[in-house]
Amino acid sequence: MSAFQFEFQTITGEALPLSRFEGKPVLIVNTASRCGFTPQYRELQGLWERYRARGFAVIGVPSNDFGAQEPGTEQEIASFCEVNYSVTFPLTAKQQVVGAEAHPFYRWVSEIAGEDARPRWNFHKYLIGPSGELVNIYPSKVSPLDAALIAEIERLLQ
């Protein structure tokens, strides 16, 4: 199985099949607008701007699963991200990322990497390789600009 078999819906309601990113590394991050980690949006945007021309993608997955820190509608979330962080990387519609009703991508990660791989809070990051494999998992406290994460992205882009 591959991450590229899954599909999200964009924050504006269009299909977002992960197969669109096949052959490219992708960072998938569950996000929230009212979290102490919310400033990571700026760093995620920086990664997107720095590496997208080389094929790297960032996907934000808004979720209200932790501390009810993403209570807004898709339109409110999109506006918040654009106005406050100039986000241009793809955002999905709001999703559950934990529990029985979690999006299938998140259930797949837990199945292949174990329960410890599931998000524990907002801004939990999954680095997917060009073949759709789960390369690494980074908890919320790890900055998108962390040296180890950047090195892994660089390696995948070679």
C-alpha atoms as a PDB file:
ATOM      1  CA  MET A   1       0.000   0.000   0.000  1.00  0.00           C
ATOM      2  CA  SER A   2       1.049   3.555  -0.685  1.00  0.00           C
ATOM      3  CA  ALA A   3       0.065   6.979   0.593  1.00  0.00           C
ATOM      4  CA  PHE A   4      -0.707   7.822  -3.018  1.00  0.00           C
ATOM      5  CA  GLN A   5      -3.808   5.606  -2.961  1.00  0.00           C
ATOM      6  CA  PHE A   6      -5.633   8.078  -0.703  1.00  0.00           C
ATOM      7  CA  GLU A   7      -7.638  11.143  -1.588  1.00  0.00           C
ATOM      8  CA  PHE A   8      -8.597  14.233   0.333  1.00  0.00           C
ATOM      9  CA  GLN A   9     -10.944  17.030  -0.600  1.00  0.00           C
ATOM     10  CA  THR A  10      -9.417  20.505  -0.846  1.00  0.00           C
ATOM     11  CA  ILE A  11     -10.569  23.247   1.470  1.00  0.00           C
ATOM     12  CA  THR A  12     -12.529  24.635  -1.498  1.00  0.00           C
ATOM     13  CA  GLY A  13     -14.252  21.314  -2.222  1.00  0.00           C
ATOM     14  CA  GLU A  14     -12.221  19.897  -5.105  1.00  0.00           C
ATOM     15  CA  ALA A  15     -10.749  16.396  -5.249  1.00  0.00           C
ATOM     16  CA  LEU A  16      -7.165  16.159  -4.022  1.00  0.00           C
ATOM     17  CA  PRO A  17      -5.871  12.685  -4.864  1.00  0.00           C
ATOM     18  CA  LEU A  18      -2.459  12.116  -3.326  1.00  0.00           C
ATOM     19  CA  SER A  19      -1.580  10.273  -6.552  1.00  0.00           C
ATOM     20  CA  ARG A  20      -1.142  13.779  -7.999  1.00  0.00           C
ATOM     21  CA  PHE A  21       2.140  13.886  -6.045  1.00  0.00           C
ATOM     22  CA  GLU A  22       3.438  10.477  -7.097  1.00  0.00           C
ATOM     23  CA  GLY A  23       7.185  10.592  -7.672  1.00  0.00           C
ATOM     24  CA  LYS A  24       7.588  13.526  -5.269  1.00  0.00           C
ATOM     25  CA  PRO A  25       8.164  13.790  -1.533  1.00  0.00           C
ATOM     26  CA  VAL A  26       5.226  15.177   0.420  1.00  0.00           C
ATOM     27  CA  LEU A  27       4.898  16.510   3.961  1.00  0.00           C
ATOM     28  CA  ILE A  28       1.388  15.991   5.361  1.00  0.00           C
ATOM     29  CA  VAL A  29       0.604  18.001   8.484  1.00  0.00           C
ATOM     30  CA  ASN A  30      -2.561  18.173  10.580  1.00  0.00           C
ATOM     31  CA  THR A  31      -3.094  21.842  11.377  1.00  0.00           C
ATOM     32  CA  ALA A  32      -5.152  24.120  13.622  1.00  0.00           C
ATOM     33  CA  SER A  33      -5.670  27.881  13.716  1.00  0.00           C
ATOM     34  CA  ARG A  34      -5.825  28.362  17.487  1.00  0.00           C
ATOM     35  CA  CYS A  35      -2.868  26.327  18.694  1.00  0.00           C
ATOM     36  CA  GLY A  36       0.465  27.259  20.218  1.00  0.00           C
ATOM     37  CA  PHE A  37       2.046  25.584  17.174  1.00  0.00           C
ATOM     38  CA  THR A  38      -0.009  27.636  14.671  1.00  0.00           C
ATOM     39  CA  PRO A  39       3.019  29.837  13.784  1.00  0.00           C
ATOM     40  CA  GLN A  40       4.430  26.719  12.091  1.00  0.00           C
ATOM     41  CA  TYR A  41       2.197  27.701   9.160  1.00  0.00           C
ATOM     42  CA  ARG A  42       4.851  30.332   8.329  1.00  0.00           C
ATOM     43  CA  GLU A  43       7.598  27.676   8.362  1.00  0.00           C
ATOM     44  CA  LEU A  44       5.508  25.261   6.284  1.00  0.00           C
ATOM     45  CA  GLN A  45       4.935  28.018   3.736  1.00  0.00           C
ATOM     46  CA  GLY A  46       8.685  28.641   3.709  1.00  0.00           C
ATOM     47  CA  LEU A  47       9.359  24.947   2.974  1.00  0.00           C
ATOM     48  CA  TRP A  48       6.777  25.001   0.202  1.00  0.00           C
ATOM     49  CA  GLU A  49       8.321  28.107  -1.379  1.00  0.00           C
ATOM     50  CA  ARG A  50      11.867  26.771  -1.039  1.00  0.00           C
ATOM     51  CA  TYR A  51      11.299  23.300  -2.488  1.00  0.00           C
ATOM     52  CA  ARG A  52       8.136  23.184  -4.599  1.00  0.00           C
ATOM     53  CA  ALA A  53       9.965  23.983  -7.843  1.00  0.00           C
ATOM     54  CA  ARG A  54      12.018  20.832  -7.185  1.00  0.00           C
ATOM     55  CA  GLY A  55       8.868  18.735  -6.750  1.00  0.00           C
ATOM     56  CA  PHE A  56       8.306  18.836  -2.995  1.00  0.00           C
ATOM     57  CA  ALA A  57       4.773  19.341  -1.684  1.00  0.00           C
ATOM     58  CA  VAL A  58       3.264  20.388   1.637  1.00  0.00           C
ATOM     59  CA  ILE A  59      -0.342  19.502   2.451  1.00  0.00           C
ATOM     60  CA  GLY A  60      -2.119  20.993   5.457  1.00  0.00           C
ATOM     61  CA  VAL A  61      -4.970  18.978   6.961  1.00  0.00           C
ATOM     62  CA  PRO A  62      -7.048  21.173   9.285  1.00  0.00           C
ATOM     63  CA  SER A  63      -8.426  19.217  12.222  1.00  0.00           C
ATOM     64  CA  ASN A  64     -10.446  20.058  15.311  1.00  0.00           C
ATOM     65  CA  ASP A  65      -9.430  16.817  17.085  1.00  0.00           C
ATOM     66  CA  PHE A  66      -7.102  18.360  19.655  1.00  0.00           C
ATOM     67  CA  GLY A  67      -8.344  20.962  22.106  1.00  0.00           C
ATOM     68  CA  ALA A  68     -11.078  22.088  19.690  1.00  0.00           C
ATOM     69  CA  GLN A  69      -8.447  24.430  18.229  1.00  0.00           C
ATOM     70  CA  GLU A  70      -9.837  24.414  14.684  1.00  0.00           C
ATOM     71  CA  PRO A  71     -13.519  25.300  15.191  1.00  0.00           C
ATOM     72  CA  GLY A  72     -13.988  27.367  12.034  1.00  0.00           C
ATOM     73  CA  THR A  73     -15.527  26.547   8.692  1.00  0.00           C
ATOM     74  CA  GLU A  74     -13.373  25.752   5.677  1.00  0.00           C
ATOM     75  CA  GLN A  75     -13.857  29.308   4.417  1.00  0.00           C
ATOM     76  CA  GLU A  76     -12.795  30.762   7.786  1.00  0.00           C
ATOM     77  CA  ILE A  77      -9.748  28.464   7.936  1.00  0.00           C
ATOM     78  CA  ALA A  78      -8.655  29.353   4.394  1.00  0.00           C
ATOM     79  CA  SER A  79      -9.047  33.064   5.098  1.00  0.00           C
ATOM     80  CA  PHE A  80      -7.127  32.813   8.383  1.00  0.00           C
ATOM     81  CA  CYS A  81      -4.244  30.982   6.703  1.00  0.00           C
ATOM     82  CA  GLU A  82      -4.066  33.408   3.788  1.00  0.00           C
ATOM     83  CA  VAL A  83      -4.365  36.611   5.835  1.00  0.00           C
ATOM     84  CA  ASN A  84      -2.088  35.635   8.727  1.00  0.00           C
ATOM     85  CA  TYR A  85       0.487  33.356   7.088  1.00  0.00           C
ATOM     86  CA  SER A  86       0.169  33.898   3.301  1.00  0.00           C
ATOM     87  CA  VAL A  87      -0.411  30.149   2.889  1.00  0.00           C
ATOM     88  CA  THR A  88      -0.464  28.988  -0.726  1.00  0.00           C
ATOM     89  CA  PHE A  89       0.270  25.281  -0.233  1.00  0.00           C
ATOM     90  CA  PRO A  90      -2.726  22.931  -0.529  1.00  0.00           C
ATOM     91  CA  LEU A  91      -5.120  22.716   2.411  1.00  0.00           C
ATOM     92  CA  THR A  92      -7.696  19.975   2.713  1.00  0.00           C
ATOM     93  CA  ALA A  93     -11.208  20.187   4.033  1.00  0.00           C
ATOM     94  CA  LYS A  94     -11.328  19.785   7.814  1.00  0.00           C
ATOM     95  CA  GLN A  95     -10.706  16.145   8.782  1.00  0.00           C
ATOM     96  CA  GLN A  96     -10.662  13.874  11.772  1.00  0.00           C
ATOM     97  CA  VAL A  97      -7.134  12.539  12.174  1.00  0.00           C
ATOM     98  CA  VAL A  98      -7.587  10.230  15.183  1.00  0.00           C
ATOM     99  CA  GLY A  99     -10.131   7.621  16.201  1.00  0.00           C
ATOM    100  CA  ALA A 100     -12.433   5.327  14.289  1.00  0.00           C
ATOM    101  CA  GLU A 101     -13.664   8.166  12.071  1.00  0.00           C
ATOM    102  CA  ALA A 102     -10.166   9.370  11.138  1.00  0.00           C
ATOM    103  CA  HIS A 103      -9.468   9.988   7.474  1.00  0.00           C
ATOM    104  CA  PRO A 104      -8.266   6.732   5.812  1.00  0.00           C
ATOM    105  CA  PHE A 105      -4.747   8.161   5.328  1.00  0.00           C
ATOM    106  CA  TYR A 106      -4.381   8.568   9.095  1.00  0.00           C
ATOM    107  CA  ARG A 107      -5.773   5.093   9.776  1.00  0.00           C
ATOM    108  CA  TRP A 108      -3.276   3.694   7.237  1.00  0.00           C
ATOM    109  CA  VAL A 109      -0.349   5.387   8.995  1.00  0.00           C
ATOM    110  CA  SER A 110      -1.434   3.849  12.311  1.00  0.00           C
ATOM    111  CA  GLU A 111      -1.777   0.434  10.683  1.00  0.00           C
ATOM    112  CA  ILE A 112       1.679   0.420   9.109  1.00  0.00           C
ATOM    113  CA  ALA A 113       3.614   2.284  11.806  1.00  0.00           C
ATOM    114  CA  GLY A 114       1.632   1.436  14.952  1.00  0.00           C
ATOM    115  CA  GLU A 115      -0.523   3.419  17.330  1.00  0.00           C
ATOM    116  CA  ASP A 116       2.456   5.509  18.420  1.00  0.00           C
ATOM    117  CA  ALA A 117       2.512   6.964  14.896  1.00  0.00           C
ATOM    118  CA  ARG A 118      -0.908   8.554  15.174  1.00  0.00           C
ATOM    119  CA  PRO A 119      -1.044  12.306  15.766  1.00  0.00           C
ATOM    120  CA  ARG A 120      -0.848  13.300  19.419  1.00  0.00           C
ATOM    121  CA  TRP A 121      -1.563  16.983  18.790  1.00  0.00           C
ATOM    122  CA  ASN A 122      -1.811  19.605  16.054  1.00  0.00           C
ATOM    123  CA  PHE A 123       1.063  20.033  13.563  1.00  0.00           C
ATOM    124  CA  HIS A 124       2.111  16.363  13.621  1.00  0.00           C
ATOM    125  CA  LYS A 125       4.052  15.723  10.416  1.00  0.00           C
ATOM    126  CA  TYR A 126       4.369  12.740   8.063  1.00  0.00           C
ATOM    127  CA  LEU A 127       7.056  12.742   5.416  1.00  0.00           C
ATOM    128  CA  ILE A 128       6.031  10.615   2.439  1.00  0.00           C
ATOM    129  CA  GLY A 129       8.634   9.467  -0.075  1.00  0.00           C
ATOM    130  CA  PRO A 130       8.373   9.611  -3.871  1.00  0.00           C
ATOM    131  CA  SER A 131       7.035   6.035  -3.991  1.00  0.00           C
ATOM    132  CA  GLY A 132       4.323   6.745  -1.429  1.00  0.00           C
ATOM    133  CA  GLU A 133       6.183   5.155   1.459  1.00  0.00           C
ATOM    134  CA  LEU A 134       6.108   6.615   4.963  1.00  0.00           C
ATOM    135  CA  VAL A 135       9.662   7.918   5.391  1.00  0.00           C
ATOM    136  CA  ASN A 136       9.489   9.562   8.804  1.00  0.00           C
ATOM    137  CA  ILE A 137       7.209  10.997  11.447  1.00  0.00           C
ATOM    138  CA  TYR A 138       7.835  14.294  13.223  1.00  0.00           C
ATOM    139  CA  PRO A 139       5.874  15.327  16.324  1.00  0.00           C
ATOM    140  CA  SER A 140       4.335  18.758  16.778  1.00  0.00           C
ATOM    141  CA  LYS A 141       7.313  20.212  18.616  1.00  0.00           C
ATOM    142  CA  VAL A 142       9.614  19.559  15.636  1.00  0.00           C
ATOM    143  CA  SER A 143       9.792  22.687  13.517  1.00  0.00           C
ATOM    144  CA  PRO A 144       9.210  22.317   9.779  1.00  0.00           C
ATOM    145  CA  LEU A 145      12.633  23.968   9.456  1.00  0.00           C
ATOM    146  CA  ASP A 146      14.353  21.406  11.701  1.00  0.00           C
ATOM    147  CA  ALA A 147      17.773  20.453  10.294  1.00  0.00           C
ATOM    148  CA  ALA A 148      17.012  16.708  10.285  1.00  0.00           C
ATOM    149  CA  LEU A 149      13.719  17.242   8.427  1.00  0.00           C
ATOM    150  CA  ILE A 150      15.381  19.543   5.889  1.00  0.00           C
ATOM    151  CA  ALA A 151      18.160  16.985   5.361  1.00  0.00           C
ATOM    152  CA  GLU A 152      15.577  14.254   4.760  1.00  0.00           C
ATOM    153  CA  ILE A 153      13.733  16.427   2.219  1.00  0.00           C
ATOM    154  CA  GLU A 154      17.003  17.226   0.448  1.00  0.00           C
ATOM    155  CA  ARG A 155      17.878  13.513   0.319  1.00  0.00           C
ATOM    156  CA  LEU A 156      14.474  12.638  -1.161  1.00  0.00           C
ATOM    157  CA  LEU A 157      14.795  15.357  -3.791  1.00  0.00           C
ATOM    158  CA  GLN A 158      18.130  14.047  -5.133  1.00  0.00           C
END
